[in-house]
Protein backbone atom coordinates (compact mmCIF):
# COMPACT_ATOMS: atom_id res chain seq x y z
CA MET A 1 0.00 0.00 0.00
CA ASN A 2 3.01 2.32 0.36
CA ALA A 3 3.20 2.33 -3.45
CA LEU A 4 0.22 4.70 -3.57
CA LYS A 5 1.66 8.03 -2.46
CA GLU A 6 -1.14 10.36 -3.55
CA ALA A 7 -4.33 9.86 -5.52
CA LYS A 8 -5.00 12.49 -8.16
CA LYS A 9 -8.25 13.35 -9.90
CA GLY A 10 -8.75 10.88 -12.72
CA ASP A 11 -6.63 8.11 -11.16
CA VAL A 12 -8.16 4.65 -11.31
CA ILE A 13 -7.35 2.67 -8.15
CA LEU A 14 -8.26 -0.99 -7.99
CA LEU A 15 -8.08 -3.05 -4.80
CA ASP A 16 -8.69 -6.64 -5.81
CA TYR A 17 -8.85 -9.54 -3.36
CA LEU A 18 -7.84 -13.00 -4.52
CA PRO A 19 -8.05 -15.69 -1.81
CA ASP A 20 -4.86 -17.43 -2.96
CA SER A 21 -2.71 -14.28 -2.94
CA GLY A 22 -4.44 -11.47 -1.03
CA VAL A 23 -5.21 -7.83 -1.83
CA ASN A 24 -3.62 -6.55 -5.03
CA LEU A 25 -3.26 -2.81 -5.65
CA THR A 26 -3.39 -1.47 -9.19
CA VAL A 27 -3.11 2.23 -10.06
CA ASN A 28 -3.97 3.31 -13.59
CA ALA A 29 -3.64 -0.29 -14.83
CA GLN A 30 -0.15 -0.65 -13.28
CA PRO A 31 0.28 -3.26 -10.50
CA GLN A 32 1.81 -1.75 -7.37
CA GLY A 33 3.91 -3.74 -4.91
CA LYS A 34 3.26 -7.27 -3.74
CA PRO A 35 -0.16 -8.65 -2.73
CA ILE A 36 -1.04 -8.24 0.94
CA PRO A 37 -2.13 -11.68 2.17
CA GLY A 38 -5.03 -12.44 4.45
CA GLU A 39 -8.78 -12.28 4.38
CA ASP A 40 -8.61 -10.35 7.66
CA PHE A 41 -6.78 -7.51 5.89
CA GLN A 42 -9.33 -7.50 3.07
CA ARG A 43 -12.23 -7.30 5.54
CA ALA A 44 -10.55 -4.48 7.49
CA LEU A 45 -9.96 -2.60 4.24
CA LEU A 46 -13.61 -2.90 3.21
CA ARG A 47 -14.77 -1.68 6.62
CA ILE A 48 -13.14 1.68 5.87
CA TRP A 49 -15.87 2.35 3.28
CA LEU A 50 -18.59 -0.19 4.02
CA GLY A 51 -18.39 -0.79 7.78
CA ASP A 52 -20.73 0.41 10.53
CA LYS A 53 -18.74 3.67 10.81
CA PRO A 54 -17.54 4.37 7.24
CA SER A 55 -15.11 7.19 6.52
CA ASN A 56 -17.73 8.74 4.22
CA PRO A 57 -21.37 7.66 4.78
CA ASP A 58 -22.52 9.20 1.47
CA LEU A 59 -19.88 7.26 -0.44
CA LYS A 60 -21.06 4.07 1.28
CA LYS A 61 -24.64 4.77 0.20
CA GLY A 62 -23.50 5.36 -3.37
CA MET A 63 -21.36 2.22 -3.43
CA LEU A 64 -24.34 0.19 -2.26
CA GLY A 65 -26.67 1.67 -4.87
CA GLY A 66 -28.27 4.40 -2.77
CA ARG A 67 -29.00 7.90 -3.96
CA PRO A 68 -26.66 10.68 -2.80
CA PRO A 69 -28.45 13.07 -0.43
CA ALA A 70 -27.82 16.03 -2.76
CA LEU A 71 -30.27 14.55 -5.26
CA ARG A 72 -33.92 15.07 -4.50
CA GLU A 73 -36.86 13.25 -6.00
CA GLY A 74 -36.99 13.86 -9.75
CA GLU A 75 -33.40 15.15 -10.01
CA SER A 76 -30.73 13.39 -12.01
CA SER A 77 -27.00 13.12 -11.43
CA ARG A 78 -26.45 13.35 -15.18
CA ALA A 79 -25.52 16.62 -16.83
CA PRO A 80 -28.18 18.08 -19.13
CA PRO A 81 -27.74 17.21 -22.80
CA PRO A 82 -25.83 19.74 -24.92
CA LYS A 83 -27.87 22.34 -26.76
CA PRO A 84 -28.22 21.85 -30.50
CA PRO A 85 -26.03 24.21 -32.59
CA ASP A 86 -28.98 26.36 -33.70
CA ALA A 87 -29.80 27.10 -30.03
CA LEU A 88 -26.34 28.54 -29.34
CA PRO A 89 -25.84 32.30 -29.53
CA ASN A 90 -24.08 33.68 -32.64
CA ARG A 91 -20.47 34.72 -32.12
């Protein structure tokens, strides 16, 4: 885990657990370090985000398929579609 110094916007971080080897860390499709063995480590790692006291309750809700609290009934998390060219002001 020391291989991950700082996460930057756009980074893709994958923590993958394989029972025969342990937790594998991949950053932007590049494996980092050696696997960390043990199901106990994997469970502790998941508790950070999915446990009874997650580091970010809204993230936990989103990871489990819940709606973020900022969205109210009828709102969408998607950006509105772009305006057609004829609706744009002349420049």
